[in-house]
Amino acid sequence: MKTLYILFVCFFILVTVAQSKVFMKRDEALALAFSGADRIDKREIFITEEQAREIESLSKSKLSTRLYIVYEGFKGDMSLGYAIIDTHTLRTKTETVMFVINTDGTLRQAEILAFFEPPEYMPGNNWIALFYGKSIKDPLKPGRDIPNITGATITSNSLSQTTRQILALAAVVLTGHKPESDTED
């Protein structure tokens, strides 16, 4: 009986690991985000208390970190935008997403780089594309502004929340494209 239990646990671990997937490495993702760039600069940004309060207010969610790595692509002296790679927990496992922000504060692209939850919970590219062109001025609430993902509500809520946080971070720290006033939805 003990041997059967050990075999079951080993099988469960193997199945879980087999479902976990890394889709793209950081350098590949950055090359995709800034395909015409002459250079990509990397900088660490530590969010101040005041910035954290403003980001949390704009995104209507609590930040889990105040340290972000931001990549900025350049063609000559012209900025092509910013890429921020965020890893967050969904249920019990993580998801890593690269968000690419235009210089006007809108989301140009979001790529799931790694997803360690069961594959049926992973959002499709068409659903992620609903966020493109949006800024922190857009509410982006799942079930209202963005449809939920059937059978993956935690994923849609988490990705919507993270997108709002990244767009708020961009508005507060990178682009200055903040809403005129914080309106309630």
C-alpha atoms as a PDB file:
ATOM      1  CA  MET A   1       0.000   0.000   0.000  1.00  0.00           C
ATOM      2  CA  LYS A   2       2.846   2.383   0.865  1.00  0.00           C
ATOM      3  CA  THR A   3       4.512   1.660  -2.493  1.00  0.00           C
ATOM      4  CA  LEU A   4       1.261   2.415  -4.315  1.00  0.00           C
ATOM      5  CA  TYR A   5       0.980   5.727  -2.461  1.00  0.00           C
ATOM      6  CA  ILE A   6       4.575   6.677  -3.373  1.00  0.00           C
ATOM      7  CA  LEU A   7       3.931   5.791  -7.027  1.00  0.00           C
ATOM      8  CA  PHE A   8       0.766   7.903  -7.010  1.00  0.00           C
ATOM      9  CA  VAL A   9       2.629  10.910  -5.557  1.00  0.00           C
ATOM     10  CA  CYS A  10       5.455  10.526  -8.104  1.00  0.00           C
ATOM     11  CA  PHE A  11       2.922  10.301 -10.947  1.00  0.00           C
ATOM     12  CA  PHE A  12       1.105  13.414  -9.666  1.00  0.00           C
ATOM     13  CA  ILE A  13       4.374  15.360  -9.492  1.00  0.00           C
ATOM     14  CA  LEU A  14       5.364  14.282 -13.011  1.00  0.00           C
ATOM     15  CA  VAL A  15       1.964  15.247 -14.438  1.00  0.00           C
ATOM     16  CA  THR A  16       2.101  18.633 -12.689  1.00  0.00           C
ATOM     17  CA  VAL A  17       5.625  19.320 -13.939  1.00  0.00           C
ATOM     18  CA  ALA A  18       4.682  18.202 -17.461  1.00  0.00           C
ATOM     19  CA  GLN A  19       1.808  20.735 -17.499  1.00  0.00           C
ATOM     20  CA  SER A  20       4.011  23.596 -16.319  1.00  0.00           C
ATOM     21  CA  LYS A  21       5.480  25.475 -19.191  1.00  0.00           C
ATOM     22  CA  VAL A  22       7.985  28.193 -19.957  1.00  0.00           C
ATOM     23  CA  PHE A  23       7.027  29.683 -23.304  1.00  0.00           C
ATOM     24  CA  MET A  24       9.682  32.307 -23.783  1.00  0.00           C
ATOM     25  CA  LYS A  25      12.854  33.425 -22.042  1.00  0.00           C
ATOM     26  CA  ARG A  26      13.429  37.048 -21.065  1.00  0.00           C
ATOM     27  CA  ASP A  27      15.847  37.899 -23.888  1.00  0.00           C
ATOM     28  CA  GLU A  28      13.540  36.358 -26.509  1.00  0.00           C
ATOM     29  CA  ALA A  29      10.587  38.297 -25.097  1.00  0.00           C
ATOM     30  CA  LEU A  30      12.502  41.583 -25.097  1.00  0.00           C
ATOM     31  CA  ALA A  31      13.627  41.005 -28.694  1.00  0.00           C
ATOM     32  CA  LEU A  32       9.960  40.479 -29.624  1.00  0.00           C
ATOM     33  CA  ALA A  33       8.852  43.579 -27.697  1.00  0.00           C
ATOM     34  CA  PHE A  34      11.499  45.852 -29.199  1.00  0.00           C
ATOM     35  CA  SER A  35      12.208  44.275 -32.587  1.00  0.00           C
ATOM     36  CA  GLY A  36      13.543  47.487 -34.158  1.00  0.00           C
ATOM     37  CA  ALA A  37      15.558  48.650 -31.155  1.00  0.00           C
ATOM     38  CA  ASP A  38      19.198  49.705 -31.306  1.00  0.00           C
ATOM     39  CA  ARG A  39      19.470  49.076 -27.593  1.00  0.00           C
ATOM     40  CA  ILE A  40      17.457  48.016 -24.581  1.00  0.00           C
ATOM     41  CA  ASP A  41      18.264  49.663 -21.266  1.00  0.00           C
ATOM     42  CA  LYS A  42      17.502  47.935 -17.981  1.00  0.00           C
ATOM     43  CA  ARG A  43      16.855  49.754 -14.728  1.00  0.00           C
ATOM     44  CA  GLU A  44      15.607  48.867 -11.290  1.00  0.00           C
ATOM     45  CA  ILE A  45      12.824  51.028  -9.944  1.00  0.00           C
ATOM     46  CA  PHE A  46      12.036  51.101  -6.246  1.00  0.00           C
ATOM     47  CA  ILE A  47       8.561  52.538  -5.675  1.00  0.00           C
ATOM     48  CA  THR A  48       8.348  55.102  -2.864  1.00  0.00           C
ATOM     49  CA  GLU A  49       5.551  54.977  -0.264  1.00  0.00           C
ATOM     50  CA  GLU A  50       3.814  57.884  -1.971  1.00  0.00           C
ATOM     51  CA  GLN A  51       4.091  56.261  -5.421  1.00  0.00           C
ATOM     52  CA  ALA A  52       2.837  52.951  -3.995  1.00  0.00           C
ATOM     53  CA  ARG A  53      -0.257  54.656  -2.550  1.00  0.00           C
ATOM     54  CA  GLU A  54      -0.931  56.362  -5.885  1.00  0.00           C
ATOM     55  CA  ILE A  55      -0.448  53.141  -7.885  1.00  0.00           C
ATOM     56  CA  GLU A  56      -2.693  51.220  -5.485  1.00  0.00           C
ATOM     57  CA  SER A  57      -5.350  53.934  -5.727  1.00  0.00           C
ATOM     58  CA  LEU A  58      -5.260  53.991  -9.538  1.00  0.00           C
ATOM     59  CA  SER A  59      -5.182  50.186  -9.908  1.00  0.00           C
ATOM     60  CA  LYS A  60      -7.634  49.601  -7.050  1.00  0.00           C
ATOM     61  CA  SER A  61      -5.441  46.801  -5.726  1.00  0.00           C
ATOM     62  CA  LYS A  62      -2.621  46.243  -3.266  1.00  0.00           C
ATOM     63  CA  LEU A  63       0.931  45.944  -4.583  1.00  0.00           C
ATOM     64  CA  SER A  64       2.838  42.826  -3.599  1.00  0.00           C
ATOM     65  CA  THR A  65       6.226  44.394  -4.334  1.00  0.00           C
ATOM     66  CA  ARG A  66       7.797  47.823  -4.609  1.00  0.00           C
ATOM     67  CA  LEU A  67      10.769  46.746  -6.714  1.00  0.00           C
ATOM     68  CA  TYR A  68      10.378  46.506 -10.483  1.00  0.00           C
ATOM     69  CA  ILE A  69      12.795  45.849 -13.328  1.00  0.00           C
ATOM     70  CA  VAL A  70      11.938  48.025 -16.317  1.00  0.00           C
ATOM     71  CA  TYR A  71      13.376  47.602 -19.794  1.00  0.00           C
ATOM     72  CA  GLU A  72      13.226  50.527 -22.217  1.00  0.00           C
ATOM     73  CA  GLY A  73      13.812  50.037 -25.921  1.00  0.00           C
ATOM     74  CA  PHE A  74      15.427  52.752 -28.031  1.00  0.00           C
ATOM     75  CA  LYS A  75      15.808  53.436 -31.727  1.00  0.00           C
ATOM     76  CA  GLY A  76      18.492  56.109 -31.756  1.00  0.00           C
ATOM     77  CA  ASP A  77      17.407  58.555 -29.055  1.00  0.00           C
ATOM     78  CA  MET A  78      13.707  57.752 -29.430  1.00  0.00           C
ATOM     79  CA  SER A  79      12.054  55.582 -26.782  1.00  0.00           C
ATOM     80  CA  LEU A  80      10.066  52.668 -28.187  1.00  0.00           C
ATOM     81  CA  GLY A  81       8.348  52.037 -24.870  1.00  0.00           C
ATOM     82  CA  TYR A  82       8.804  49.984 -21.733  1.00  0.00           C
ATOM     83  CA  ALA A  83       8.667  46.305 -20.866  1.00  0.00           C
ATOM     84  CA  ILE A  84       7.962  45.119 -17.353  1.00  0.00           C
ATOM     85  CA  ILE A  85       8.113  41.428 -16.509  1.00  0.00           C
ATOM     86  CA  ASP A  86       5.915  40.441 -13.590  1.00  0.00           C
ATOM     87  CA  THR A  87       5.700  37.102 -11.806  1.00  0.00           C
ATOM     88  CA  HIS A  88       2.691  36.595  -9.566  1.00  0.00           C
ATOM     89  CA  THR A  89       0.863  33.722  -7.897  1.00  0.00           C
ATOM     90  CA  LEU A  90      -2.509  32.633  -9.220  1.00  0.00           C
ATOM     91  CA  ARG A  91      -3.847  29.809  -7.069  1.00  0.00           C
ATOM     92  CA  THR A  92      -0.745  28.095  -5.717  1.00  0.00           C
ATOM     93  CA  LYS A  93       1.611  28.377  -8.667  1.00  0.00           C
ATOM     94  CA  THR A  94       3.011  31.265 -10.650  1.00  0.00           C
ATOM     95  CA  GLU A  95       2.496  33.009 -13.937  1.00  0.00           C
ATOM     96  CA  THR A  96       5.087  35.294 -15.544  1.00  0.00           C
ATOM     97  CA  VAL A  97       3.870  37.964 -17.929  1.00  0.00           C
ATOM     98  CA  MET A  98       5.745  40.607 -19.906  1.00  0.00           C
ATOM     99  CA  PHE A  99       3.786  43.841 -20.320  1.00  0.00           C
ATOM    100  CA  VAL A 100       4.909  46.247 -23.045  1.00  0.00           C
ATOM    101  CA  ILE A 101       3.802  49.840 -22.502  1.00  0.00           C
ATOM    102  CA  ASN A 102       3.853  52.529 -25.189  1.00  0.00           C
ATOM    103  CA  THR A 103       5.297  55.934 -24.318  1.00  0.00           C
ATOM    104  CA  ASP A 104       1.717  57.293 -24.163  1.00  0.00           C
ATOM    105  CA  GLY A 105       0.910  54.877 -21.307  1.00  0.00           C
ATOM    106  CA  THR A 106      -1.164  52.382 -23.308  1.00  0.00           C
ATOM    107  CA  LEU A 107      -0.597  48.652 -23.321  1.00  0.00           C
ATOM    108  CA  ARG A 108       0.921  47.542 -26.621  1.00  0.00           C
ATOM    109  CA  GLN A 109       1.492  43.883 -25.852  1.00  0.00           C
ATOM    110  CA  ALA A 110       1.294  41.275 -23.111  1.00  0.00           C
ATOM    111  CA  GLU A 111       2.991  37.917 -23.418  1.00  0.00           C
ATOM    112  CA  ILE A 112       2.694  35.019 -21.007  1.00  0.00           C
ATOM    113  CA  LEU A 113       6.279  33.877 -20.597  1.00  0.00           C
ATOM    114  CA  ALA A 114       5.628  31.064 -18.120  1.00  0.00           C
ATOM    115  CA  PHE A 115       2.475  29.456 -16.737  1.00  0.00           C
ATOM    116  CA  PHE A 116       2.653  26.826 -14.027  1.00  0.00           C
ATOM    117  CA  GLU A 117      -1.045  26.316 -13.355  1.00  0.00           C
ATOM    118  CA  PRO A 118      -2.988  23.666 -15.304  1.00  0.00           C
ATOM    119  CA  PRO A 119      -3.123  24.621 -19.001  1.00  0.00           C
ATOM    120  CA  GLU A 120      -6.931  24.862 -19.054  1.00  0.00           C
ATOM    121  CA  TYR A 121      -6.656  27.930 -16.779  1.00  0.00           C
ATOM    122  CA  MET A 122      -4.341  29.801 -19.142  1.00  0.00           C
ATOM    123  CA  PRO A 123      -5.890  32.775 -20.943  1.00  0.00           C
ATOM    124  CA  GLY A 124      -5.875  32.745 -24.728  1.00  0.00           C
ATOM    125  CA  ASN A 125      -4.182  35.358 -26.890  1.00  0.00           C
ATOM    126  CA  ASN A 126      -7.562  36.746 -28.027  1.00  0.00           C
ATOM    127  CA  TRP A 127      -8.571  37.420 -24.422  1.00  0.00           C
ATOM    128  CA  ILE A 128      -5.232  39.073 -23.597  1.00  0.00           C
ATOM    129  CA  ALA A 129      -5.568  41.247 -26.733  1.00  0.00           C
ATOM    130  CA  LEU A 130      -8.687  42.849 -25.184  1.00  0.00           C
ATOM    131  CA  PHE A 131      -6.272  44.876 -23.016  1.00  0.00           C
ATOM    132  CA  TYR A 132      -4.255  46.249 -25.957  1.00  0.00           C
ATOM    133  CA  GLY A 133      -4.544  49.992 -26.431  1.00  0.00           C
ATOM    134  CA  LYS A 134      -5.902  50.405 -22.899  1.00  0.00           C
ATOM    135  CA  SER A 135      -4.367  52.652 -20.262  1.00  0.00           C
ATOM    136  CA  ILE A 136      -4.891  53.163 -16.546  1.00  0.00           C
ATOM    137  CA  LYS A 137      -7.703  55.536 -17.546  1.00  0.00           C
ATOM    138  CA  ASP A 138      -9.725  52.427 -18.535  1.00  0.00           C
ATOM    139  CA  PRO A 139     -11.356  50.462 -15.654  1.00  0.00           C
ATOM    140  CA  LEU A 140     -10.454  46.946 -16.950  1.00  0.00           C
ATOM    141  CA  LYS A 141     -12.689  45.143 -14.464  1.00  0.00           C
ATOM    142  CA  PRO A 142     -13.326  41.474 -15.317  1.00  0.00           C
ATOM    143  CA  GLY A 143     -16.983  40.648 -15.783  1.00  0.00           C
ATOM    144  CA  ARG A 144     -17.750  44.298 -16.648  1.00  0.00           C
ATOM    145  CA  ASP A 145     -15.153  45.872 -18.937  1.00  0.00           C
ATOM    146  CA  ILE A 146     -13.287  42.676 -19.813  1.00  0.00           C
ATOM    147  CA  PRO A 147     -15.114  39.318 -20.032  1.00  0.00           C
ATOM    148  CA  ASN A 148     -14.262  36.607 -17.518  1.00  0.00           C
ATOM    149  CA  ILE A 149     -12.580  33.452 -18.735  1.00  0.00           C
ATOM    150  CA  THR A 150     -15.040  30.591 -18.295  1.00  0.00           C
ATOM    151  CA  GLY A 151     -13.622  28.141 -15.767  1.00  0.00           C
ATOM    152  CA  ALA A 152     -10.643  30.386 -15.004  1.00  0.00           C
ATOM    153  CA  THR A 153     -12.027  33.281 -12.976  1.00  0.00           C
ATOM    154  CA  ILE A 154      -8.954  33.471 -10.750  1.00  0.00           C
ATOM    155  CA  THR A 155      -6.735  33.796 -13.823  1.00  0.00           C
ATOM    156  CA  SER A 156      -8.845  36.556 -15.393  1.00  0.00           C
ATOM    157  CA  ASN A 157      -9.094  38.462 -12.101  1.00  0.00           C
ATOM    158  CA  SER A 158      -5.377  38.135 -11.417  1.00  0.00           C
ATOM    159  CA  LEU A 159      -4.253  39.137 -14.901  1.00  0.00           C
ATOM    160  CA  SER A 160      -6.678  42.088 -14.957  1.00  0.00           C
ATOM    161  CA  GLN A 161      -5.421  43.251 -11.563  1.00  0.00           C
ATOM    162  CA  THR A 162      -1.780  42.883 -12.570  1.00  0.00           C
ATOM    163  CA  THR A 163      -2.411  44.727 -15.841  1.00  0.00           C
ATOM    164  CA  ARG A 164      -4.001  47.629 -13.924  1.00  0.00           C
ATOM    165  CA  GLN A 165      -1.035  47.692 -11.531  1.00  0.00           C
ATOM    166  CA  ILE A 166       1.514  47.747 -14.370  1.00  0.00           C
ATOM    167  CA  LEU A 167      -0.416  50.457 -16.247  1.00  0.00           C
ATOM    168  CA  ALA A 168      -0.644  52.491 -13.020  1.00  0.00           C
ATOM    169  CA  LEU A 169       3.082  51.996 -12.415  1.00  0.00           C
ATOM    170  CA  ALA A 170       3.781  53.236 -15.951  1.00  0.00           C
ATOM    171  CA  ALA A 171       1.530  56.279 -15.460  1.00  0.00           C
ATOM    172  CA  VAL A 172       2.991  57.228 -12.090  1.00  0.00           C
ATOM    173  CA  VAL A 173       6.683  56.454 -12.642  1.00  0.00           C
ATOM    174  CA  LEU A 174       7.423  56.183 -16.371  1.00  0.00           C
ATOM    175  CA  THR A 175       5.112  58.117 -18.699  1.00  0.00           C
ATOM    176  CA  GLY A 176       3.261  60.676 -16.567  1.00  0.00           C
ATOM    177  CA  HIS A 177       0.006  59.842 -18.400  1.00  0.00           C
ATOM    178  CA  LYS A 178      -2.169  59.754 -15.282  1.00  0.00           C
ATOM    179  CA  PRO A 179      -5.936  60.282 -15.243  1.00  0.00           C
ATOM    180  CA  GLU A 180      -7.043  63.862 -14.544  1.00  0.00           C
ATOM    181  CA  SER A 181      -8.954  62.650 -11.486  1.00  0.00           C
ATOM    182  CA  ASP A 182      -9.511  59.277  -9.862  1.00  0.00           C
ATOM    183  CA  THR A 183     -13.096  58.383 -10.731  1.00  0.00           C
ATOM    184  CA  GLU A 184     -15.026  55.640  -8.994  1.00  0.00           C
ATOM    185  CA  ASP A 185     -16.410  52.911 -11.202  1.00  0.00           C
END
